[in-house]
Amino acid sequence: MKAQRETVIEERKAILLKLKEEMIKKLDLPYKPDDIHEDISILGAGMGLDSLDAIEIVMIVESCFNVKIEDGNTAPFRSLNTIADYVIQQKGMAK
């Protein structure tokens, strides 16, 4: 049980790092991965991203993690943590 939890924690860290790196690259953000807090709001006042950026994030998630985000499903976009939770849930890693 402990080993499985540690595996999920490490996978979560890898997901978050990959998300940050890809968002910085694809959205041309002026940040380094360590500059982006996992709980900051992605859209609107937090990171200041808009709906076009959200589409790019959907493409990042789908291409990097082979996870489909259904049209109209905005729940994962509250923060990087909620995206990571969504990826982990969809991949069946959280048990």
Protein backbone atom coordinates (compact mmCIF):
# COMPACT_ATOMS: atom_id res chain seq x y z
CA MET A 1 0.00 0.00 0.00
CA LYS A 2 2.78 2.43 0.94
CA ALA A 3 4.77 1.57 -2.19
CA GLN A 4 1.70 2.16 -4.36
CA ARG A 5 1.09 5.54 -2.71
CA GLU A 6 4.72 6.54 -3.28
CA THR A 7 4.41 5.49 -6.93
CA VAL A 8 1.33 7.68 -7.35
CA ILE A 9 3.12 10.61 -5.64
CA GLU A 10 6.10 10.28 -7.98
CA GLU A 11 3.83 9.97 -11.01
CA ARG A 12 1.94 13.08 -9.87
CA LYS A 13 5.22 15.04 -9.61
CA ALA A 14 6.17 13.91 -13.12
CA ILE A 15 2.74 14.90 -14.48
CA LEU A 16 2.95 18.36 -12.89
CA LEU A 17 6.47 18.97 -14.19
CA LYS A 18 5.53 17.84 -17.72
CA LEU A 19 2.41 20.06 -17.65
CA LYS A 20 4.42 23.08 -16.57
CA GLU A 21 7.15 22.50 -19.15
CA GLU A 22 4.70 21.98 -22.00
CA MET A 23 2.54 24.95 -21.02
CA ILE A 24 5.60 27.21 -20.84
CA LYS A 25 6.76 26.00 -24.25
CA LYS A 26 3.42 25.86 -26.11
CA LEU A 27 1.86 28.99 -24.58
CA ASP A 28 5.13 30.93 -24.64
CA LEU A 29 4.85 31.75 -20.93
CA PRO A 30 7.59 33.84 -19.31
CA TYR A 31 8.10 31.39 -16.43
CA LYS A 32 10.26 28.53 -15.28
CA PRO A 33 8.50 25.40 -13.95
CA ASP A 34 9.37 26.31 -10.35
CA ASP A 35 7.69 29.71 -10.80
CA ILE A 36 4.25 28.16 -11.34
CA HIS A 37 2.39 27.06 -8.21
CA GLU A 38 0.25 23.96 -8.66
CA ASP A 39 -2.81 25.56 -6.99
CA ILE A 40 -2.90 28.84 -8.93
CA SER A 41 -6.02 29.35 -11.01
CA ILE A 42 -5.18 28.59 -14.64
CA LEU A 43 -7.87 30.64 -16.34
CA GLY A 44 -8.70 34.24 -15.54
CA ALA A 45 -7.02 36.17 -12.75
CA GLY A 46 -4.57 33.46 -11.65
CA MET A 47 -2.29 32.81 -14.62
CA GLY A 48 -4.35 35.07 -16.86
CA LEU A 49 -4.95 32.44 -19.52
CA ASP A 50 -8.05 32.51 -21.73
CA SER A 51 -10.27 30.04 -23.56
CA LEU A 52 -7.86 29.72 -26.49
CA ASP A 53 -5.12 28.81 -24.03
CA ALA A 54 -7.49 26.25 -22.50
CA ILE A 55 -7.81 24.57 -25.89
CA GLU A 56 -4.02 24.35 -26.10
CA ILE A 57 -3.90 22.86 -22.58
CA VAL A 58 -6.46 20.23 -23.64
CA MET A 59 -4.19 19.32 -26.56
CA ILE A 60 -1.17 19.17 -24.22
CA VAL A 61 -2.98 16.82 -21.82
CA GLU A 62 -4.30 14.63 -24.60
CA SER A 63 -0.97 14.34 -26.43
CA CYS A 64 1.35 14.05 -23.42
CA PHE A 65 -0.75 11.75 -21.24
CA ASN A 66 -3.02 10.02 -23.76
CA VAL A 67 -6.06 11.14 -21.78
CA LYS A 68 -9.22 12.49 -23.39
CA ILE A 69 -10.92 15.57 -21.95
CA GLU A 70 -14.54 15.64 -23.06
CA ASP A 71 -15.86 18.79 -24.75
CA GLY A 72 -17.40 21.12 -22.20
CA ASN A 73 -15.67 19.48 -19.24
CA THR A 74 -14.09 22.49 -17.54
CA ALA A 75 -13.71 20.90 -14.07
CA PRO A 76 -10.05 19.87 -14.59
CA PHE A 77 -9.06 23.46 -15.42
CA ARG A 78 -9.23 24.99 -11.96
CA SER A 79 -5.51 24.46 -11.36
CA LEU A 80 -2.56 22.29 -12.35
CA ASN A 81 -3.39 20.07 -9.38
CA THR A 82 -6.91 19.43 -10.69
CA ILE A 83 -5.48 18.57 -14.11
CA ALA A 84 -3.01 16.16 -12.47
CA ASP A 85 -5.88 14.62 -10.45
CA TYR A 86 -7.87 14.18 -13.65
CA VAL A 87 -4.96 12.53 -15.48
CA ILE A 88 -4.30 10.17 -12.55
CA GLN A 89 -8.00 9.28 -12.30
CA GLN A 90 -8.35 8.67 -16.04
CA LYS A 91 -5.24 6.50 -16.14
CA GLY A 92 -6.57 4.48 -13.19
CA MET A 93 -3.54 5.17 -11.00
CA ALA A 94 -5.51 6.40 -7.97
CA LYS A 95 -6.80 3.34 -6.17
